[in-house]
Amino acid sequence: MRKNFFIGTLIIVGLLVSCSLGNSPKAAVHKFRKAIEENDMRALAKVATPETVQLVATFSSKIQGYAASISDKKIKTITEEIDGDTAVVTVIFTDGEEKKFDLKKIDGKWKVDIFMNMEK
């Protein structure tokens, strides 16, 4: 009986953790990168601010060149710093290159906002 309770508790905790990671700034950056690489504007709209989506659409051909250059790069580390409804995700690739992504929470979802630093 205790064994079943313990296993059930582990399953519930696992589900809660996996659901919370699905809406984290890190998860949003992973989805953003994948959407850019695949030129998937619909997926991009789910994880980026409308202004970011518009900019990506405007410079689509140049961004695709950039996406091709990073698609083979492996991520070494990824960290996130959350401050209320804003966050910064830092991605360090195995070749040492570092990229920072600014995000803000809109309607409870994390969205990449490439204009956030420009507003400061």
N, C-alpha and C. Protein backbone atom coordinates (compact mmCIF):
# COMPACT_ATOMS: atom_id res chain seq x y z
N MET A 1 0.82 -1.20 0.00
CA MET A 1 0.00 0.00 0.00
C MET A 1 0.87 1.27 0.00
N ARG A 2 1.89 1.29 0.87
CA ARG A 2 2.76 2.46 0.93
C ARG A 2 3.55 2.60 -0.36
N LYS A 3 3.91 1.47 -0.95
CA LYS A 3 4.67 1.49 -2.20
C LYS A 3 3.84 2.14 -3.31
N ASN A 4 2.56 1.78 -3.40
CA ASN A 4 1.67 2.36 -4.42
C ASN A 4 1.50 3.86 -4.20
N PHE A 5 1.38 4.26 -2.93
CA PHE A 5 1.23 5.67 -2.62
C PHE A 5 2.49 6.44 -3.03
N PHE A 6 3.65 5.88 -2.72
CA PHE A 6 4.92 6.50 -3.07
C PHE A 6 5.06 6.64 -4.58
N ILE A 7 4.75 5.59 -5.32
CA ILE A 7 4.83 5.62 -6.79
C ILE A 7 3.85 6.65 -7.35
N GLY A 8 2.64 6.68 -6.83
CA GLY A 8 1.65 7.65 -7.28
C GLY A 8 2.10 9.08 -7.03
N THR A 9 2.71 9.30 -5.85
CA THR A 9 3.22 10.63 -5.52
C THR A 9 4.34 11.04 -6.48
N LEU A 10 5.24 10.11 -6.79
CA LEU A 10 6.31 10.41 -7.74
C LEU A 10 5.76 10.77 -9.12
N ILE A 11 4.75 10.06 -9.56
CA ILE A 11 4.15 10.35 -10.87
C ILE A 11 3.54 11.74 -10.88
N ILE A 12 2.82 12.09 -9.83
CA ILE A 12 2.18 13.41 -9.76
C ILE A 12 3.23 14.52 -9.73
N VAL A 13 4.27 14.34 -8.93
CA VAL A 13 5.34 15.34 -8.86
C VAL A 13 6.01 15.48 -10.22
N GLY A 14 6.27 14.36 -10.88
CA GLY A 14 6.88 14.39 -12.21
C GLY A 14 6.02 15.14 -13.22
N LEU A 15 4.72 14.91 -13.17
CA LEU A 15 3.82 15.63 -14.09
C LEU A 15 3.80 17.12 -13.79
N LEU A 16 3.78 17.48 -12.52
CA LEU A 16 3.78 18.90 -12.17
C LEU A 16 5.06 19.58 -12.62
N VAL A 17 6.19 18.93 -12.42
CA VAL A 17 7.47 19.51 -12.83
C VAL A 17 7.52 19.65 -14.34
N SER A 18 7.11 18.62 -15.07
CA SER A 18 7.17 18.70 -16.53
C SER A 18 6.22 19.76 -17.06
N CYS A 19 5.08 19.94 -16.45
CA CYS A 19 4.15 21.00 -16.89
C CYS A 19 4.74 22.37 -16.61
N SER A 20 5.38 22.55 -15.47
CA SER A 20 5.93 23.87 -15.15
C SER A 20 7.11 24.20 -16.05
N LEU A 21 7.90 23.20 -16.45
CA LEU A 21 9.02 23.45 -17.36
C LEU A 21 8.53 23.84 -18.75
N GLY A 22 7.34 23.40 -19.11
CA GLY A 22 6.80 23.71 -20.42
C GLY A 22 6.51 25.19 -20.60
N ASN A 23 6.36 25.92 -19.50
CA ASN A 23 6.08 27.34 -19.58
C ASN A 23 7.17 28.14 -18.86
N SER A 24 8.40 27.68 -18.96
CA SER A 24 9.51 28.41 -18.35
C SER A 24 10.19 29.28 -19.40
N PRO A 25 10.94 30.27 -18.98
CA PRO A 25 11.70 31.06 -19.96
C PRO A 25 12.65 30.18 -20.78
N LYS A 26 13.29 29.19 -20.14
CA LYS A 26 14.18 28.29 -20.88
C LYS A 26 13.43 27.55 -21.97
N ALA A 27 12.26 27.03 -21.64
CA ALA A 27 11.45 26.30 -22.62
C ALA A 27 11.05 27.21 -23.78
N ALA A 28 10.71 28.46 -23.45
CA ALA A 28 10.33 29.41 -24.51
C ALA A 28 11.49 29.67 -25.46
N VAL A 29 12.71 29.78 -24.93
CA VAL A 29 13.87 30.01 -25.78
C VAL A 29 14.15 28.80 -26.66
N HIS A 30 14.01 27.60 -26.09
CA HIS A 30 14.19 26.38 -26.91
C HIS A 30 13.17 26.36 -28.06
N LYS A 31 11.92 26.68 -27.75
CA LYS A 31 10.87 26.69 -28.78
C LYS A 31 11.11 27.81 -29.80
N PHE A 32 11.60 28.95 -29.32
CA PHE A 32 11.91 30.08 -30.20
C PHE A 32 12.99 29.67 -31.20
N ARG A 33 14.05 29.07 -30.70
CA ARG A 33 15.15 28.64 -31.57
C ARG A 33 14.66 27.63 -32.61
N LYS A 34 13.86 26.69 -32.16
CA LYS A 34 13.34 25.67 -33.08
C LYS A 34 12.45 26.31 -34.15
N ALA A 35 11.60 27.24 -33.74
CA ALA A 35 10.71 27.91 -34.70
C ALA A 35 11.50 28.71 -35.73
N ILE A 36 12.57 29.38 -35.29
CA ILE A 36 13.43 30.13 -36.22
C ILE A 36 14.09 29.17 -37.20
N GLU A 37 14.65 28.08 -36.66
CA GLU A 37 15.34 27.11 -37.52
C GLU A 37 14.42 26.51 -38.57
N GLU A 38 13.16 26.28 -38.19
CA GLU A 38 12.20 25.65 -39.09
C GLU A 38 11.36 26.66 -39.87
N ASN A 39 11.63 27.95 -39.65
CA ASN A 39 10.85 29.02 -40.29
C ASN A 39 9.35 28.83 -40.05
N ASP A 40 9.01 28.47 -38.83
CA ASP A 40 7.62 28.17 -38.44
C ASP A 40 7.04 29.39 -37.73
N MET A 41 6.40 30.26 -38.50
CA MET A 41 5.87 31.50 -37.95
C MET A 41 4.73 31.26 -36.96
N ARG A 42 3.98 30.21 -37.16
CA ARG A 42 2.89 29.90 -36.24
C ARG A 42 3.44 29.53 -34.86
N ALA A 43 4.48 28.69 -34.85
CA ALA A 43 5.12 28.31 -33.58
C ALA A 43 5.81 29.52 -32.96
N LEU A 44 6.41 30.35 -33.80
CA LEU A 44 7.10 31.54 -33.32
C LEU A 44 6.13 32.48 -32.61
N ALA A 45 4.94 32.61 -33.15
CA ALA A 45 3.94 33.51 -32.56
C ALA A 45 3.54 33.07 -31.15
N LYS A 46 3.72 31.80 -30.84
CA LYS A 46 3.37 31.30 -29.51
C LYS A 46 4.42 31.64 -28.46
N VAL A 47 5.66 31.90 -28.90
CA VAL A 47 6.75 32.10 -27.93
C VAL A 47 7.48 33.43 -28.10
N ALA A 48 6.96 34.32 -28.92
CA ALA A 48 7.59 35.62 -29.13
C ALA A 48 6.52 36.71 -29.10
N THR A 49 6.95 37.91 -28.73
CA THR A 49 6.02 39.04 -28.73
C THR A 49 5.61 39.35 -30.17
N PRO A 50 4.47 39.99 -30.36
CA PRO A 50 4.05 40.33 -31.73
C PRO A 50 5.08 41.17 -32.48
N GLU A 51 5.76 42.08 -31.78
CA GLU A 51 6.78 42.91 -32.42
C GLU A 51 7.97 42.07 -32.88
N THR A 52 8.33 41.08 -32.09
CA THR A 52 9.43 40.18 -32.46
C THR A 52 9.05 39.36 -33.68
N VAL A 53 7.83 38.85 -33.69
CA VAL A 53 7.36 38.06 -34.83
C VAL A 53 7.38 38.91 -36.09
N GLN A 54 6.93 40.15 -35.98
CA GLN A 54 6.91 41.05 -37.14
C GLN A 54 8.32 41.30 -37.67
N LEU A 55 9.26 41.52 -36.77
CA LEU A 55 10.64 41.74 -37.19
C LEU A 55 11.22 40.50 -37.87
N VAL A 56 10.97 39.34 -37.31
CA VAL A 56 11.46 38.08 -37.90
C VAL A 56 10.87 37.91 -39.30
N ALA A 57 9.59 38.20 -39.45
CA ALA A 57 8.94 38.07 -40.77
C ALA A 57 9.56 39.05 -41.77
N THR A 58 9.86 40.26 -41.33
CA THR A 58 10.43 41.27 -42.21
C THR A 58 11.82 40.87 -42.71
N PHE A 59 12.62 40.30 -41.82
CA PHE A 59 13.99 39.94 -42.16
C PHE A 59 14.16 38.43 -42.29
N SER A 60 13.14 37.78 -42.76
CA SER A 60 13.12 36.31 -42.81
C SER A 60 14.33 35.70 -43.51
N SER A 61 14.73 36.22 -44.66
CA SER A 61 15.83 35.61 -45.40
C SER A 61 17.16 35.74 -44.65
N LYS A 62 17.39 36.89 -44.02
CA LYS A 62 18.63 37.05 -43.25
C LYS A 62 18.62 36.19 -42.00
N ILE A 63 17.46 36.07 -41.39
CA ILE A 63 17.36 35.26 -40.18
C ILE A 63 17.54 33.78 -40.51
N GLN A 64 17.08 33.36 -41.67
CA GLN A 64 17.27 31.96 -42.06
C GLN A 64 18.74 31.64 -42.23
N GLY A 65 19.52 32.59 -42.73
CA GLY A 65 20.97 32.39 -42.83
C GLY A 65 21.60 32.22 -41.46
N TYR A 66 21.15 33.04 -40.51
CA TYR A 66 21.64 32.93 -39.14
C TYR A 66 21.20 31.60 -38.53
N ALA A 67 19.95 31.23 -38.77
CA ALA A 67 19.44 29.96 -38.22
C ALA A 67 20.24 28.78 -38.72
N ALA A 68 20.60 28.82 -39.99
CA ALA A 68 21.40 27.73 -40.55
C ALA A 68 22.76 27.66 -39.87
N SER A 69 23.31 28.82 -39.51
CA SER A 69 24.64 28.83 -38.89
C SER A 69 24.61 28.32 -37.46
N ILE A 70 23.47 28.40 -36.77
CA ILE A 70 23.42 27.92 -35.39
C ILE A 70 22.72 26.58 -35.23
N SER A 71 22.10 26.08 -36.28
CA SER A 71 21.32 24.85 -36.14
C SER A 71 22.16 23.65 -35.71
N ASP A 72 23.44 23.64 -36.07
CA ASP A 72 24.30 22.53 -35.68
C ASP A 72 25.01 22.77 -34.36
N LYS A 73 24.87 23.95 -33.80
CA LYS A 73 25.55 24.25 -32.55
C LYS A 73 24.86 23.53 -31.39
N LYS A 74 25.67 23.00 -30.53
CA LYS A 74 25.17 22.31 -29.34
C LYS A 74 25.21 23.28 -28.17
N ILE A 75 24.19 23.21 -27.36
CA ILE A 75 24.12 24.06 -26.17
C ILE A 75 24.91 23.41 -25.05
N LYS A 76 25.82 24.19 -24.47
CA LYS A 76 26.61 23.71 -23.34
C LYS A 76 25.85 23.94 -22.05
N THR A 77 25.43 25.19 -21.84
CA THR A 77 24.63 25.52 -20.66
C THR A 77 23.55 26.51 -21.02
N ILE A 78 22.50 26.49 -20.23
CA ILE A 78 21.43 27.47 -20.40
C ILE A 78 20.96 27.83 -18.99
N THR A 79 20.95 29.14 -18.72
CA THR A 79 20.52 29.61 -17.41
C THR A 79 19.42 30.64 -17.59
N GLU A 80 18.62 30.80 -16.54
CA GLU A 80 17.57 31.81 -16.59
C GLU A 80 17.56 32.59 -15.29
N GLU A 81 17.29 33.88 -15.44
CA GLU A 81 17.12 34.77 -14.30
C GLU A 81 15.74 35.40 -14.44
N ILE A 82 14.88 35.12 -13.48
CA ILE A 82 13.51 35.63 -13.52
C ILE A 82 13.37 36.75 -12.51
N ASP A 83 12.78 37.87 -12.95
CA ASP A 83 12.51 39.01 -12.09
C ASP A 83 11.07 39.45 -12.34
N GLY A 84 10.15 38.86 -11.61
CA GLY A 84 8.73 39.17 -11.80
C GLY A 84 8.24 38.67 -13.14
N ASP A 85 7.80 39.60 -13.99
CA ASP A 85 7.28 39.24 -15.31
C ASP A 85 8.31 39.41 -16.42
N THR A 86 9.59 39.52 -16.06
CA THR A 86 10.65 39.57 -17.06
C THR A 86 11.70 38.52 -16.71
N ALA A 87 12.44 38.12 -17.73
CA ALA A 87 13.49 37.12 -17.52
C ALA A 87 14.58 37.31 -18.56
N VAL A 88 15.76 36.82 -18.23
CA VAL A 88 16.88 36.78 -19.17
C VAL A 88 17.37 35.34 -19.19
N VAL A 89 17.43 34.77 -20.39
CA VAL A 89 17.96 33.43 -20.56
C VAL A 89 19.29 33.57 -21.28
N THR A 90 20.32 32.98 -20.71
CA THR A 90 21.65 33.00 -21.30
C THR A 90 21.97 31.61 -21.81
N VAL A 91 22.30 31.54 -23.09
CA VAL A 91 22.66 30.28 -23.72
C VAL A 91 24.14 30.34 -24.07
N ILE A 92 24.88 29.34 -23.63
CA ILE A 92 26.30 29.24 -23.99
C ILE A 92 26.45 27.96 -24.81
N PHE A 93 26.96 28.15 -26.03
CA PHE A 93 27.16 27.02 -26.93
C PHE A 93 28.52 26.37 -26.65
N THR A 94 28.71 25.16 -27.13
CA THR A 94 29.96 24.43 -26.87
C THR A 94 31.17 25.13 -27.47
N ASP A 95 30.97 25.98 -28.49
CA ASP A 95 32.11 26.71 -29.07
C ASP A 95 32.43 28.00 -28.31
N GLY A 96 31.72 28.24 -27.20
CA GLY A 96 31.98 29.40 -26.36
C GLY A 96 31.10 30.61 -26.65
N GLU A 97 30.40 30.59 -27.78
CA GLU A 97 29.52 31.72 -28.11
C GLU A 97 28.40 31.81 -27.08
N GLU A 98 28.06 33.04 -26.71
CA GLU A 98 27.02 33.28 -25.72
C GLU A 98 25.93 34.17 -26.31
N LYS A 99 24.69 33.80 -26.09
CA LYS A 99 23.54 34.59 -26.54
C LYS A 99 22.62 34.82 -25.35
N LYS A 100 22.12 36.05 -25.24
CA LYS A 100 21.15 36.37 -24.20
C LYS A 100 19.81 36.67 -24.85
N PHE A 101 18.77 36.14 -24.25
CA PHE A 101 17.41 36.36 -24.73
C PHE A 101 16.61 37.02 -23.61
N ASP A 102 15.97 38.14 -23.94
CA ASP A 102 15.08 38.82 -23.00
C ASP A 102 13.67 38.30 -23.23
N LEU A 103 12.97 38.05 -22.13
CA LEU A 103 11.60 37.56 -22.21
C LEU A 103 10.71 38.35 -21.28
N LYS A 104 9.43 38.39 -21.62
CA LYS A 104 8.46 38.94 -20.70
C LYS A 104 7.24 38.05 -20.70
N LYS A 105 6.55 38.07 -19.58
CA LYS A 105 5.37 37.23 -19.42
C LYS A 105 4.16 38.01 -19.90
N ILE A 106 3.47 37.42 -20.86
CA ILE A 106 2.26 38.02 -21.42
C ILE A 106 1.14 37.00 -21.29
N ASP A 107 0.08 37.38 -20.60
CA ASP A 107 -1.05 36.48 -20.37
C ASP A 107 -0.60 35.13 -19.81
N GLY A 108 0.37 35.17 -18.90
CA GLY A 108 0.82 33.97 -18.22
C GLY A 108 1.81 33.12 -18.99
N LYS A 109 2.24 33.58 -20.19
CA LYS A 109 3.18 32.80 -21.00
C LYS A 109 4.43 33.61 -21.26
N TRP A 110 5.58 32.93 -21.23
CA TRP A 110 6.85 33.59 -21.50
C TRP A 110 7.05 33.78 -22.99
N LYS A 111 7.42 35.02 -23.37
CA LYS A 111 7.61 35.36 -24.79
C LYS A 111 8.96 36.07 -24.97
N VAL A 112 9.69 35.66 -26.00
CA VAL A 112 10.95 36.32 -26.34
C VAL A 112 10.62 37.71 -26.87
N ASP A 113 11.34 38.71 -26.35
CA ASP A 113 11.11 40.10 -26.74
C ASP A 113 12.45 40.75 -27.10
N ILE A 114 12.74 40.82 -28.38
CA ILE A 114 14.03 41.35 -28.78
C ILE A 114 14.10 42.88 -28.62
N PHE A 115 12.99 43.52 -28.37
CA PHE A 115 12.97 44.97 -28.20
C PHE A 115 13.06 45.41 -26.74
N MET A 116 13.03 44.47 -25.81
CA MET A 116 12.96 44.82 -24.40
C MET A 116 14.13 45.69 -23.94
N ASN A 117 15.34 45.37 -24.33
CA ASN A 117 16.49 46.19 -23.94
C ASN A 117 16.48 47.56 -24.58
N MET A 118 15.85 47.67 -25.74
CA MET A 118 15.78 48.96 -26.43
C MET A 118 14.84 49.93 -25.72
N GLU A 119 13.89 49.37 -24.95
CA GLU A 119 12.91 50.21 -24.26
C GLU A 119 13.48 50.82 -22.99
N LYS A 120 14.60 50.29 -22.49
CA LYS A 120 15.17 50.76 -21.23
C LYS A 120 15.92 52.06 -21.40
